[in-house]
Structures are given as C-alpha cells and as structure tokens.
Amino acid sequence: MLSLTTRLDVMNRIGRAMADPSRSRILLMLLGGPAYPAQIAAELGLTRQNVSNHLTCLRDCGIVVAEPEGRQHRYEIADAHLAQALDGLLGVVLAVDASAPCSDEACRVPGCCETTR
C-alpha cells in the first residue's frame, strides 16, 4: 500500500501535468494514440520548442513515454491503465456537469445519467 507521502507525490505530479492548458491538450491528443512532436505542434498550433518543453514535463511526471524511432521519438501515454484512468476521469468530470450529456449508456452509478435518459 502506498504511503500518504507517496500518494501525495503522485497527486502533485498529476496536477502539475494537467495544470497547463497546452499540456492538457497534448494529453488529450495522446489519448487518441501515439504522436510525434512535429505532428503535435502542427495539430495544436504550438511551436516545436513549446511542445518539446511540455513533453519533457509530462515525461518527467511519468505520464508519457518517448519511444525512439530512428532519429525521431514517438510519444504516448506511459501505460494503458493510465490512459484508461485519464479517460475515466474525463467521463466522471463531464458526468458531474449537469449540462453535459451522459457519455456512457451502460452507466450504473447511482445519481448519474438518470436525468438524461
């Protein structure tokens, strides 16, 4: 079992990773699949240097990994469980927003989605 200090460190790393809107946009893009820095920069309208800095932060936080491919690096979410957790977090936050429609037809959480069905 993780200690309180370790759990707090993990929460701080996650918070730091998602605190910046550009990093959050990069994470959302990577939830869709692996990508290269130049591709991320072009799609999100950011400079390559800016994307590189954000990817370094995300990598240092343990959220993404860089896979070398020749002279390039492909970035992806560090673990499939983490990708699933981030996707689940998005769904939970959207479910709490009363104006957002429920995104899970199979949702069985009491109090969720009942008004949208």
PDB file of N, CA and C in Angstrom:
ATOM      1  N   MET A   1       0.844  -1.183   0.000  1.00  0.00           N
ATOM      2  CA  MET A   1       0.000   0.000   0.000  1.00  0.00           C
ATOM      3  C   MET A   1       0.887   1.244   0.000  1.00  0.00           C
ATOM      4  N   LEU A   2       0.525   2.227  -0.805  1.00  0.00           N
ATOM      5  CA  LEU A   2       1.294   3.460  -0.883  1.00  0.00           C
ATOM      6  C   LEU A   2       1.106   4.307   0.369  1.00  0.00           C
ATOM      7  N   SER A   3       2.192   4.916   0.816  1.00  0.00           N
ATOM      8  CA  SER A   3       2.104   5.808   1.976  1.00  0.00           C
ATOM      9  C   SER A   3       1.420   7.108   1.567  1.00  0.00           C
ATOM     10  N   LEU A   4       0.998   7.881   2.567  1.00  0.00           N
ATOM     11  CA  LEU A   4       0.361   9.160   2.297  1.00  0.00           C
ATOM     12  C   LEU A   4       1.305  10.073   1.520  1.00  0.00           C
ATOM     13  N   THR A   5       2.586  10.063   1.890  1.00  0.00           N
ATOM     14  CA  THR A   5       3.570  10.899   1.194  1.00  0.00           C
ATOM     15  C   THR A   5       3.690  10.495  -0.266  1.00  0.00           C
ATOM     16  N   THR A   6       3.736   9.202  -0.522  1.00  0.00           N
ATOM     17  CA  THR A   6       3.835   8.724  -1.904  1.00  0.00           C
ATOM     18  C   THR A   6       2.577   9.075  -2.689  1.00  0.00           C
ATOM     19  N   ARG A   7       1.428   8.884  -2.076  1.00  0.00           N
ATOM     20  CA  ARG A   7       0.167   9.204  -2.741  1.00  0.00           C
ATOM     21  C   ARG A   7       0.084  10.700  -3.039  1.00  0.00           C
ATOM     22  N   LEU A   8       0.534  11.519  -2.092  1.00  0.00           N
ATOM     23  CA  LEU A   8       0.541  12.963  -2.283  1.00  0.00           C
ATOM     24  C   LEU A   8       1.473  13.348  -3.431  1.00  0.00           C
ATOM     25  N   ASP A   9       2.632  12.694  -3.515  1.00  0.00           N
ATOM     26  CA  ASP A   9       3.570  12.956  -4.605  1.00  0.00           C
ATOM     27  C   ASP A   9       2.933  12.625  -5.954  1.00  0.00           C
ATOM     28  N   VAL A  10       2.234  11.517  -6.021  1.00  0.00           N
ATOM     29  CA  VAL A  10       1.561  11.123  -7.265  1.00  0.00           C
ATOM     30  C   VAL A  10       0.503  12.155  -7.642  1.00  0.00           C
ATOM     31  N   MET A  11      -0.297  12.582  -6.664  1.00  0.00           N
ATOM     32  CA  MET A  11      -1.327  13.594  -6.945  1.00  0.00           C
ATOM     33  C   MET A  11      -0.699  14.896  -7.433  1.00  0.00           C
ATOM     34  N   ASN A  12       0.409  15.285  -6.830  1.00  0.00           N
ATOM     35  CA  ASN A  12       1.090  16.514  -7.248  1.00  0.00           C
ATOM     36  C   ASN A  12       1.624  16.393  -8.674  1.00  0.00           C
ATOM     37  N   ARG A  13       2.174  15.233  -9.027  1.00  0.00           N
ATOM     38  CA  ARG A  13       2.672  15.033 -10.394  1.00  0.00           C
ATOM     39  C   ARG A  13       1.532  15.099 -11.399  1.00  0.00           C
ATOM     40  N   ILE A  14       0.403  14.481 -11.075  1.00  0.00           N
ATOM     41  CA  ILE A  14      -0.751  14.520 -11.976  1.00  0.00           C
ATOM     42  C   ILE A  14      -1.256  15.953 -12.108  1.00  0.00           C
ATOM     43  N   GLY A  15      -1.353  16.637 -10.979  1.00  0.00           N
ATOM     44  CA  GLY A  15      -1.813  18.027 -11.001  1.00  0.00           C
ATOM     45  C   GLY A  15      -0.900  18.915 -11.818  1.00  0.00           C
ATOM     46  N   ARG A  16       0.408  18.735 -11.652  1.00  0.00           N
ATOM     47  CA  ARG A  16       1.373  19.529 -12.421  1.00  0.00           C
ATOM     48  C   ARG A  16       1.230  19.238 -13.911  1.00  0.00           C
ATOM     49  N   ALA A  17       1.051  17.989 -14.242  1.00  0.00           N
ATOM     50  CA  ALA A  17       0.933  17.608 -15.654  1.00  0.00           C
ATOM     51  C   ALA A  17      -0.279  18.247 -16.306  1.00  0.00           C
ATOM     52  N   MET A  18      -1.380  18.335 -15.589  1.00  0.00           N
ATOM     53  CA  MET A  18      -2.620  18.839 -16.183  1.00  0.00           C
ATOM     54  C   MET A  18      -2.888  20.303 -15.881  1.00  0.00           C
ATOM     55  N   ALA A  19      -1.986  20.956 -15.139  1.00  0.00           N
ATOM     56  CA  ALA A  19      -2.209  22.356 -14.752  1.00  0.00           C
ATOM     57  C   ALA A  19      -2.092  23.324 -15.919  1.00  0.00           C
ATOM     58  N   ASP A  20      -1.364  22.964 -16.935  1.00  0.00           N
ATOM     59  CA  ASP A  20      -1.162  23.845 -18.077  1.00  0.00           C
ATOM     60  C   ASP A  20      -2.098  23.452 -19.214  1.00  0.00           C
ATOM     61  N   PRO A  21      -2.824  24.404 -19.793  1.00  0.00           N
ATOM     62  CA  PRO A  21      -3.760  24.077 -20.881  1.00  0.00           C
ATOM     63  C   PRO A  21      -3.086  23.400 -22.075  1.00  0.00           C
ATOM     64  N   SER A  22      -1.873  23.782 -22.409  1.00  0.00           N
ATOM     65  CA  SER A  22      -1.191  23.142 -23.547  1.00  0.00           C
ATOM     66  C   SER A  22      -0.863  21.691 -23.223  1.00  0.00           C
ATOM     67  N   ARG A  23      -0.413  21.419 -21.996  1.00  0.00           N
ATOM     68  CA  ARG A  23      -0.134  20.033 -21.617  1.00  0.00           C
ATOM     69  C   ARG A  23      -1.418  19.208 -21.620  1.00  0.00           C
ATOM     70  N   SER A  24      -2.503  19.810 -21.162  1.00  0.00           N
ATOM     71  CA  SER A  24      -3.781  19.094 -21.186  1.00  0.00           C
ATOM     72  C   SER A  24      -4.200  18.781 -22.623  1.00  0.00           C
ATOM     73  N   ARG A  25      -4.008  19.722 -23.526  1.00  0.00           N
ATOM     74  CA  ARG A  25      -4.344  19.479 -24.934  1.00  0.00           C
ATOM     75  C   ARG A  25      -3.473  18.380 -25.521  1.00  0.00           C
ATOM     76  N   ILE A  26      -2.187  18.360 -25.142  1.00  0.00           N
ATOM     77  CA  ILE A  26      -1.281  17.304 -25.611  1.00  0.00           C
ATOM     78  C   ILE A  26      -1.742  15.959 -25.072  1.00  0.00           C
ATOM     79  N   LEU A  27      -2.104  15.915 -23.786  1.00  0.00           N
ATOM     80  CA  LEU A  27      -2.601  14.663 -23.208  1.00  0.00           C
ATOM     81  C   LEU A  27      -3.858  14.177 -23.913  1.00  0.00           C
ATOM     82  N   LEU A  28      -4.781  15.093 -24.186  1.00  0.00           N
ATOM     83  CA  LEU A  28      -5.997  14.702 -24.904  1.00  0.00           C
ATOM     84  C   LEU A  28      -5.660  14.134 -26.275  1.00  0.00           C
ATOM     85  N   MET A  29      -4.702  14.750 -26.944  1.00  0.00           N
ATOM     86  CA  MET A  29      -4.299  14.244 -28.260  1.00  0.00           C
ATOM     87  C   MET A  29      -3.683  12.851 -28.133  1.00  0.00           C
ATOM     88  N   LEU A  30      -2.835  12.658 -27.122  1.00  0.00           N
ATOM     89  CA  LEU A  30      -2.175  11.367 -26.949  1.00  0.00           C
ATOM     90  C   LEU A  30      -3.142  10.281 -26.480  1.00  0.00           C
ATOM     91  N   LEU A  31      -4.259  10.668 -25.874  1.00  0.00           N
ATOM     92  CA  LEU A  31      -5.279   9.671 -25.542  1.00  0.00           C
ATOM     93  C   LEU A  31      -5.833   9.035 -26.819  1.00  0.00           C
ATOM     94  N   GLY A  32      -5.759   9.778 -27.916  1.00  0.00           N
ATOM     95  CA  GLY A  32      -6.205   9.258 -29.209  1.00  0.00           C
ATOM     96  C   GLY A  32      -5.186   8.349 -29.875  1.00  0.00           C
ATOM     97  N   GLY A  33      -3.973   8.313 -29.347  1.00  0.00           N
ATOM     98  CA  GLY A  33      -2.928   7.457 -29.897  1.00  0.00           C
ATOM     99  C   GLY A  33      -1.583   8.165 -29.907  1.00  0.00           C
ATOM    100  N   PRO A  34      -0.524   7.412 -30.169  1.00  0.00           N
ATOM    101  CA  PRO A  34       0.823   7.982 -30.182  1.00  0.00           C
ATOM    102  C   PRO A  34       0.971   9.071 -31.235  1.00  0.00           C
ATOM    103  N   ALA A  35       1.929   9.981 -30.990  1.00  0.00           N
ATOM    104  CA  ALA A  35       2.167  11.072 -31.935  1.00  0.00           C
ATOM    105  C   ALA A  35       3.612  11.547 -31.820  1.00  0.00           C
ATOM    106  N   TYR A  36       4.053  12.216 -32.866  1.00  0.00           N
ATOM    107  CA  TYR A  36       5.396  12.802 -32.912  1.00  0.00           C
ATOM    108  C   TYR A  36       5.308  14.280 -32.552  1.00  0.00           C
ATOM    109  N   PRO A  37       6.365  14.839 -31.963  1.00  0.00           N
ATOM    110  CA  PRO A  37       6.333  16.252 -31.571  1.00  0.00           C
ATOM    111  C   PRO A  37       5.926  17.203 -32.697  1.00  0.00           C
ATOM    112  N   ALA A  38       6.461  17.012 -33.895  1.00  0.00           N
ATOM    113  CA  ALA A  38       6.114  17.898 -35.014  1.00  0.00           C
ATOM    114  C   ALA A  38       4.628  17.799 -35.344  1.00  0.00           C
ATOM    115  N   GLN A  39       4.095  16.600 -35.277  1.00  0.00           N
ATOM    116  CA  GLN A  39       2.669  16.371 -35.532  1.00  0.00           C
ATOM    117  C   GLN A  39       1.826  17.070 -34.457  1.00  0.00           C
ATOM    118  N   ILE A  40       2.246  16.945 -33.193  1.00  0.00           N
ATOM    119  CA  ILE A  40       1.532  17.587 -32.084  1.00  0.00           C
ATOM    120  C   ILE A  40       1.550  19.104 -32.266  1.00  0.00           C
ATOM    121  N   ALA A  41       2.737  19.643 -32.581  1.00  0.00           N
ATOM    122  CA  ALA A  41       2.878  21.091 -32.758  1.00  0.00           C
ATOM    123  C   ALA A  41       1.960  21.592 -33.870  1.00  0.00           C
ATOM    124  N   ALA A  42       1.968  20.900 -34.998  1.00  0.00           N
ATOM    125  CA  ALA A  42       1.149  21.326 -36.141  1.00  0.00           C
ATOM    126  C   ALA A  42      -0.341  21.250 -35.815  1.00  0.00           C
ATOM    127  N   GLU A  43      -0.757  20.159 -35.206  1.00  0.00           N
ATOM    128  CA  GLU A  43      -2.184  19.970 -34.942  1.00  0.00           C
ATOM    129  C   GLU A  43      -2.710  20.930 -33.870  1.00  0.00           C
ATOM    130  N   LEU A  44      -1.866  21.249 -32.889  1.00  0.00           N
ATOM    131  CA  LEU A  44      -2.322  22.103 -31.790  1.00  0.00           C
ATOM    132  C   LEU A  44      -1.941  23.571 -31.968  1.00  0.00           C
ATOM    133  N   GLY A  45      -1.218  23.883 -33.040  1.00  0.00           N
ATOM    134  CA  GLY A  45      -0.831  25.264 -33.291  1.00  0.00           C
ATOM    135  C   GLY A  45       0.184  25.789 -32.295  1.00  0.00           C
ATOM    136  N   LEU A  46       1.092  24.932 -31.865  1.00  0.00           N
ATOM    137  CA  LEU A  46       2.143  25.296 -30.921  1.00  0.00           C
ATOM    138  C   LEU A  46       3.495  25.222 -31.616  1.00  0.00           C
ATOM    139  N   THR A  47       4.505  25.864 -31.043  1.00  0.00           N
ATOM    140  CA  THR A  47       5.847  25.736 -31.605  1.00  0.00           C
ATOM    141  C   THR A  47       6.435  24.382 -31.200  1.00  0.00           C
ATOM    142  N   ARG A  48       7.372  23.898 -31.981  1.00  0.00           N
ATOM    143  CA  ARG A  48       8.018  22.630 -31.654  1.00  0.00           C
ATOM    144  C   ARG A  48       8.753  22.715 -30.326  1.00  0.00           C
ATOM    145  N   GLN A  49       9.382  23.871 -30.066  1.00  0.00           N
ATOM    146  CA  GLN A  49      10.105  24.048 -28.808  1.00  0.00           C
ATOM    147  C   GLN A  49       9.143  23.998 -27.627  1.00  0.00           C
ATOM    148  N   ASN A  50       8.002  24.638 -27.770  1.00  0.00           N
ATOM    149  CA  ASN A  50       7.000  24.625 -26.716  1.00  0.00           C
ATOM    150  C   ASN A  50       6.504  23.204 -26.464  1.00  0.00           C
ATOM    151  N   VAL A  51       6.212  22.473 -27.514  1.00  0.00           N
ATOM    152  CA  VAL A  51       5.756  21.086 -27.393  1.00  0.00           C
ATOM    153  C   VAL A  51       6.840  20.239 -26.733  1.00  0.00           C
ATOM    154  N   SER A  52       8.083  20.450 -27.140  1.00  0.00           N
ATOM    155  CA  SER A  52       9.195  19.701 -26.551  1.00  0.00           C
ATOM    156  C   SER A  52       9.279  19.938 -25.046  1.00  0.00           C
ATOM    157  N   ASN A  53       9.140  21.193 -24.631  1.00  0.00           N
ATOM    158  CA  ASN A  53       9.185  21.509 -23.199  1.00  0.00           C
ATOM    159  C   ASN A  53       8.042  20.839 -22.443  1.00  0.00           C
ATOM    160  N   HIS A  54       6.847  20.871 -23.008  1.00  0.00           N
ATOM    161  CA  HIS A  54       5.704  20.249 -22.352  1.00  0.00           C
ATOM    162  C   HIS A  54       5.843  18.730 -22.310  1.00  0.00           C
ATOM    163  N   LEU A  55       6.357  18.144 -23.375  1.00  0.00           N
ATOM    164  CA  LEU A  55       6.550  16.694 -23.385  1.00  0.00           C
ATOM    165  C   LEU A  55       7.596  16.282 -22.354  1.00  0.00           C
ATOM    166  N   THR A  56       8.624  17.110 -22.172  1.00  0.00           N
ATOM    167  CA  THR A  56       9.626  16.830 -21.142  1.00  0.00           C
ATOM    168  C   THR A  56       8.977  16.824 -19.767  1.00  0.00           C
ATOM    169  N   CYS A  57       8.134  17.791 -19.502  1.00  0.00           N
ATOM    170  CA  CYS A  57       7.418  17.856 -18.222  1.00  0.00           C
ATOM    171  C   CYS A  57       6.546  16.613 -18.040  1.00  0.00           C
ATOM    172  N   LEU A  58       5.780  16.257 -19.055  1.00  0.00           N
ATOM    173  CA  LEU A  58       4.898  15.094 -18.973  1.00  0.00           C
ATOM    174  C   LEU A  58       5.694  13.804 -18.793  1.00  0.00           C
ATOM    175  N   ARG A  59       6.835  13.734 -19.439  1.00  0.00           N
ATOM    176  CA  ARG A  59       7.707  12.559 -19.295  1.00  0.00           C
ATOM    177  C   ARG A  59       8.288  12.513 -17.877  1.00  0.00           C
ATOM    178  N   ASP A  60       8.743  13.660 -17.370  1.00  0.00           N
ATOM    179  CA  ASP A  60       9.297  13.726 -16.018  1.00  0.00           C
ATOM    180  C   ASP A  60       8.248  13.395 -14.961  1.00  0.00           C
ATOM    181  N   CYS A  61       6.993  13.689 -15.256  1.00  0.00           N
ATOM    182  CA  CYS A  61       5.898  13.373 -14.335  1.00  0.00           C
ATOM    183  C   CYS A  61       5.488  11.901 -14.423  1.00  0.00           C
ATOM    184  N   GLY A  62       6.018  11.183 -15.408  1.00  0.00           N
ATOM    185  CA  GLY A  62       5.693   9.772 -15.568  1.00  0.00           C
ATOM    186  C   GLY A  62       4.392   9.522 -16.299  1.00  0.00           C
ATOM    187  N   ILE A  63       3.886  10.547 -16.982  1.00  0.00           N
ATOM    188  CA  ILE A  63       2.598  10.432 -17.670  1.00  0.00           C
ATOM    189  C   ILE A  63       2.766   9.922 -19.099  1.00  0.00           C
ATOM    190  N   VAL A  64       3.827  10.347 -19.775  1.00  0.00           N
ATOM    191  CA  VAL A  64       4.090   9.898 -21.142  1.00  0.00           C
ATOM    192  C   VAL A  64       5.480   9.277 -21.228  1.00  0.00           C
ATOM    193  N   VAL A  65       5.678   8.495 -22.271  1.00  0.00           N
ATOM    194  CA  VAL A  65       6.993   7.927 -22.570  1.00  0.00           C
ATOM    195  C   VAL A  65       7.343   8.261 -24.013  1.00  0.00           C
ATOM    196  N   ALA A  66       8.647   8.317 -24.277  1.00  0.00           N
ATOM    197  CA  ALA A  66       9.141   8.564 -25.625  1.00  0.00           C
ATOM    198  C   ALA A  66       9.738   7.265 -26.161  1.00  0.00           C
ATOM    199  N   GLU A  67       9.240   6.840 -27.292  1.00  0.00           N
ATOM    200  CA  GLU A  67       9.747   5.634 -27.946  1.00  0.00           C
ATOM    201  C   GLU A  67      10.594   6.054 -29.142  1.00  0.00           C
ATOM    202  N   PRO A  68      11.904   5.750 -29.131  1.00  0.00           N
ATOM    203  CA  PRO A  68      12.749   6.144 -30.258  1.00  0.00           C
ATOM    204  C   PRO A  68      12.387   5.371 -31.531  1.00  0.00           C
ATOM    205  N   GLU A  69      12.335   6.096 -32.624  1.00  0.00           N
ATOM    206  CA  GLU A  69      12.111   5.514 -33.949  1.00  0.00           C
ATOM    207  C   GLU A  69      13.069   6.199 -34.907  1.00  0.00           C
ATOM    208  N   GLY A  70      14.216   5.588 -35.111  1.00  0.00           N
ATOM    209  CA  GLY A  70      15.235   6.229 -35.941  1.00  0.00           C
ATOM    210  C   GLY A  70      15.724   7.491 -35.270  1.00  0.00           C
ATOM    211  N   ARG A  71      15.640   8.614 -35.977  1.00  0.00           N
ATOM    212  CA  ARG A  71      16.073   9.897 -35.416  1.00  0.00           C
ATOM    213  C   ARG A  71      14.946  10.649 -34.719  1.00  0.00           C
ATOM    214  N   GLN A  72      13.760  10.074 -34.704  1.00  0.00           N
ATOM    215  CA  GLN A  72      12.607  10.715 -34.081  1.00  0.00           C
ATOM    216  C   GLN A  72      12.208   9.974 -32.805  1.00  0.00           C
ATOM    217  N   HIS A  73      11.348  10.605 -32.045  1.00  0.00           N
ATOM    218  CA  HIS A  73      10.743   9.961 -30.884  1.00  0.00           C
ATOM    219  C   HIS A  73       9.232  10.063 -31.017  1.00  0.00           C
ATOM    220  N   ARG A  74       8.578   8.951 -30.773  1.00  0.00           N
ATOM    221  CA  ARG A  74       7.118   8.898 -30.772  1.00  0.00           C
ATOM    222  C   ARG A  74       6.678   8.938 -29.309  1.00  0.00           C
ATOM    223  N   TYR A  75       5.724   9.794 -28.994  1.00  0.00           N
ATOM    224  CA  TYR A  75       5.248   9.934 -27.620  1.00  0.00           C
ATOM    225  C   TYR A  75       3.895   9.267 -27.468  1.00  0.00           C
ATOM    226  N   GLU A  76       3.709   8.672 -26.299  1.00  0.00           N
ATOM    227  CA  GLU A  76       2.441   8.027 -25.995  1.00  0.00           C
ATOM    228  C   GLU A  76       2.225   8.036 -24.486  1.00  0.00           C
ATOM    229  N   ILE A  77       0.985   7.805 -24.081  1.00  0.00           N
ATOM    230  CA  ILE A  77       0.671   7.699 -22.656  1.00  0.00           C
ATOM    231  C   ILE A  77       1.483   6.522 -22.113  1.00  0.00           C
ATOM    232  N   ALA A  78       2.054   6.694 -20.919  1.00  0.00           N
ATOM    233  CA  ALA A  78       3.016   5.741 -20.374  1.00  0.00           C
ATOM    234  C   ALA A  78       2.469   4.331 -20.195  1.00  0.00           C
ATOM    235  N   ASP A  79       1.178   4.208 -19.920  1.00  0.00           N
ATOM    236  CA  ASP A  79       0.630   2.889 -19.633  1.00  0.00           C
ATOM    237  C   ASP A  79      -0.843   2.874 -20.023  1.00  0.00           C
ATOM    238  N   ALA A  80      -1.307   1.740 -20.506  1.00  0.00           N
ATOM    239  CA  ALA A  80      -2.708   1.621 -20.925  1.00  0.00           C
ATOM    240  C   ALA A  80      -3.663   1.854 -19.751  1.00  0.00           C
ATOM    241  N   HIS A  81      -3.261   1.439 -18.543  1.00  0.00           N
ATOM    242  CA  HIS A  81      -4.100   1.680 -17.366  1.00  0.00           C
ATOM    243  C   HIS A  81      -4.225   3.173 -17.089  1.00  0.00           C
ATOM    244  N   LEU A  82      -3.129   3.902 -17.275  1.00  0.00           N
ATOM    245  CA  LEU A  82      -3.150   5.349 -17.074  1.00  0.00           C
ATOM    246  C   LEU A  82      -4.047   6.013 -18.107  1.00  0.00           C
ATOM    247  N   ALA A  83      -3.953   5.575 -19.356  1.00  0.00           N
ATOM    248  CA  ALA A  83      -4.823   6.133 -20.403  1.00  0.00           C
ATOM    249  C   ALA A  83      -6.291   5.881 -20.058  1.00  0.00           C
ATOM    250  N   GLN A  84      -6.594   4.683 -19.587  1.00  0.00           N
ATOM    251  CA  GLN A  84      -7.973   4.351 -19.209  1.00  0.00           C
ATOM    252  C   GLN A  84      -8.419   5.205 -18.022  1.00  0.00           C
ATOM    253  N   ALA A  85      -7.526   5.420 -17.067  1.00  0.00           N
ATOM    254  CA  ALA A  85      -7.864   6.233 -15.901  1.00  0.00           C
ATOM    255  C   ALA A  85      -8.115   7.690 -16.295  1.00  0.00           C
ATOM    256  N   LEU A  86      -7.266   8.232 -17.177  1.00  0.00           N
ATOM    257  CA  LEU A  86      -7.460   9.611 -17.630  1.00  0.00           C
ATOM    258  C   LEU A  86      -8.771   9.746 -18.391  1.00  0.00           C
ATOM    259  N   ASP A  87      -9.064   8.771 -19.226  1.00  0.00           N
ATOM    260  CA  ASP A  87     -10.321   8.777 -19.970  1.00  0.00           C
ATOM    261  C   ASP A  87     -11.501   8.682 -19.008  1.00  0.00           C
ATOM    262  N   GLY A  88     -11.377   7.839 -17.991  1.00  0.00           N
ATOM    263  CA  GLY A  88     -12.421   7.714 -16.984  1.00  0.00           C
ATOM    264  C   GLY A  88     -12.604   8.995 -16.195  1.00  0.00           C
ATOM    265  N   LEU A  89     -11.495   9.655 -15.863  1.00  0.00           N
ATOM    266  CA  LEU A  89     -11.563  10.928 -15.142  1.00  0.00           C
ATOM    267  C   LEU A  89     -12.328  11.960 -15.958  1.00  0.00           C
ATOM    268  N   LEU A  90     -12.057  12.019 -17.251  1.00  0.00           N
ATOM    269  CA  LEU A  90     -12.796  12.940 -18.125  1.00  0.00           C
ATOM    270  C   LEU A  90     -14.287  12.640 -18.086  1.00  0.00           C
ATOM    271  N   GLY A  91     -14.630  11.359 -18.147  1.00  0.00           N
ATOM    272  CA  GLY A  91     -16.037  10.970 -18.118  1.00  0.00           C
ATOM    273  C   GLY A  91     -16.711  11.330 -16.819  1.00  0.00           C
ATOM    274  N   VAL A  92     -16.016  11.140 -15.704  1.00  0.00           N
ATOM    275  CA  VAL A  92     -16.591  11.461 -14.393  1.00  0.00           C
ATOM    276  C   VAL A  92     -16.814  12.958 -14.264  1.00  0.00           C
ATOM    277  N   VAL A  93     -15.825  13.742 -14.668  1.00  0.00           N
ATOM    278  CA  VAL A  93     -15.963  15.194 -14.562  1.00  0.00           C
ATOM    279  C   VAL A  93     -17.093  15.683 -15.459  1.00  0.00           C
ATOM    280  N   LEU A  94     -17.203  15.121 -16.647  1.00  0.00           N
ATOM    281  CA  LEU A  94     -18.314  15.503 -17.533  1.00  0.00           C
ATOM    282  C   LEU A  94     -19.649  15.078 -16.957  1.00  0.00           C
ATOM    283  N   ALA A  95     -19.694  13.915 -16.279  1.00  0.00           N
ATOM    284  CA  ALA A  95     -20.941  13.439 -15.689  1.00  0.00           C
ATOM    285  C   ALA A  95     -21.392  14.343 -14.552  1.00  0.00           C
ATOM    286  N   VAL A  96     -20.444  14.957 -13.855  1.00  0.00           N
ATOM    287  CA  VAL A  96     -20.776  15.861 -12.753  1.00  0.00           C
ATOM    288  C   VAL A  96     -21.366  17.162 -13.288  1.00  0.00           C
ATOM    289  N   ASP A  97     -20.982  17.530 -14.506  1.00  0.00           N
ATOM    290  CA  ASP A  97     -21.503  18.734 -15.144  1.00  0.00           C
ATOM    291  C   ASP A  97     -22.936  18.456 -15.584  1.00  0.00           C
ATOM    292  N   ALA A  98     -23.878  19.074 -14.910  1.00  0.00           N
ATOM    293  CA  ALA A  98     -25.294  18.810 -15.180  1.00  0.00           C
ATOM    294  C   ALA A  98     -25.699  19.134 -16.617  1.00  0.00           C
ATOM    295  N   SER A  99     -24.974  20.034 -17.266  1.00  0.00           N
ATOM    296  CA  SER A  99     -25.335  20.404 -18.633  1.00  0.00           C
ATOM    297  C   SER A  99     -24.719  19.466 -19.675  1.00  0.00           C
ATOM    298  N   ALA A 100     -23.803  18.587 -19.250  1.00  0.00           N
ATOM    299  CA  ALA A 100     -23.165  17.661 -20.190  1.00  0.00           C
ATOM    300  C   ALA A 100     -23.974  16.372 -20.272  1.00  0.00           C
ATOM    301  N   PRO A 101     -24.207  15.867 -21.468  1.00  0.00           N
ATOM    302  CA  PRO A 101     -24.942  14.607 -21.598  1.00  0.00           C
ATOM    303  C   PRO A 101     -24.100  13.436 -21.111  1.00  0.00           C
ATOM    304  N   CYS A 102     -24.752  12.410 -20.593  1.00  0.00           N
ATOM    305  CA  CYS A 102     -24.048  11.215 -20.145  1.00  0.00           C
ATOM    306  C   CYS A 102     -23.391  10.554 -21.344  1.00  0.00           C
ATOM    307  N   SER A 103     -22.144  10.167 -21.178  1.00  0.00           N
ATOM    308  CA  SER A 103     -21.408   9.586 -22.301  1.00  0.00           C
ATOM    309  C   SER A 103     -21.342   8.071 -22.231  1.00  0.00           C
ATOM    310  N   ASP A 104     -21.923   7.456 -21.191  1.00  0.00           N
ATOM    311  CA  ASP A 104     -21.834   6.013 -21.015  1.00  0.00           C
ATOM    312  C   ASP A 104     -23.237   5.428 -20.892  1.00  0.00           C
ATOM    313  N   GLU A 105     -23.693   4.805 -21.950  1.00  0.00           N
ATOM    314  CA  GLU A 105     -25.033   4.218 -21.957  1.00  0.00           C
ATOM    315  C   GLU A 105     -25.176   3.112 -20.919  1.00  0.00           C
ATOM    316  N   ALA A 106     -24.074   2.469 -20.530  1.00  0.00           N
ATOM    317  CA  ALA A 106     -24.116   1.371 -19.559  1.00  0.00           C
ATOM    318  C   ALA A 106     -23.867   1.844 -18.133  1.00  0.00           C
ATOM    319  N   CYS A 107     -23.852   3.132 -17.907  1.00  0.00           N
ATOM    320  CA  CYS A 107     -23.549   3.690 -16.584  1.00  0.00           C
ATOM    321  C   CYS A 107     -24.566   3.219 -15.549  1.00  0.00           C
ATOM    322  N   ARG A 108     -24.057   2.682 -14.448  1.00  0.00           N
ATOM    323  CA  ARG A 108     -24.912   2.198 -13.361  1.00  0.00           C
ATOM    324  C   ARG A 108     -24.604   2.902 -12.045  1.00  0.00           C
ATOM    325  N   VAL A 109     -23.902   4.041 -12.103  1.00  0.00           N
ATOM    326  CA  VAL A 109     -23.581   4.784 -10.889  1.00  0.00           C
ATOM    327  C   VAL A 109     -24.834   5.494 -10.412  1.00  0.00           C
ATOM    328  N   PRO A 110     -25.247   5.263  -9.156  1.00  0.00           N
ATOM    329  CA  PRO A 110     -26.458   5.915  -8.637  1.00  0.00           C
ATOM    330  C   PRO A 110     -26.353   7.431  -8.739  1.00  0.00           C
ATOM    331  N   GLY A 111     -27.398   8.051  -9.254  1.00  0.00           N
ATOM    332  CA  GLY A 111     -27.444   9.502  -9.386  1.00  0.00           C
ATOM    333  C   GLY A 111     -26.849  10.033 -10.670  1.00  0.00           C
ATOM    334  N   CYS A 112     -26.165   9.216 -11.417  1.00  0.00           N
ATOM    335  CA  CYS A 112     -25.550   9.663 -12.672  1.00  0.00           C
ATOM    336  C   CYS A 112     -26.447   9.273 -13.834  1.00  0.00           C
ATOM    337  N   CYS A 113     -26.547  10.160 -14.780  1.00  0.00           N
ATOM    338  CA  CYS A 113     -27.200   9.872 -16.057  1.00  0.00           C
ATOM    339  C   CYS A 113     -28.709   9.685 -15.979  1.00  0.00           C
ATOM    340  N   GLU A 114     -29.264   9.661 -14.801  1.00  0.00           N
ATOM    341  CA  GLU A 114     -30.689   9.375 -14.677  1.00  0.00           C
ATOM    342  C   GLU A 114     -31.569  10.448 -15.308  1.00  0.00           C
ATOM    343  N   THR A 115     -31.104  11.697 -15.267  1.00  0.00           N
ATOM    344  CA  THR A 115     -31.928  12.756 -15.829  1.00  0.00           C
ATOM    345  C   THR A 115     -31.774  12.868 -17.332  1.00  0.00           C
ATOM    346  N   THR A 116     -30.738  12.253 -17.910  1.00  0.00           N
ATOM    347  CA  THR A 116     -30.517  12.384 -19.348  1.00  0.00           C
ATOM    348  C   THR A 116     -31.094  11.219 -20.134  1.00  0.00           C
ATOM    349  N   ARG A 117     -31.602  10.229 -19.434  1.00  0.00           N
ATOM    350  CA  ARG A 117     -32.132   9.052 -20.149  1.00  0.00           C
ATOM    351  C   ARG A 117     -33.617   9.074 -20.223  1.00  0.00           C
TER     352      ARG A 117
END
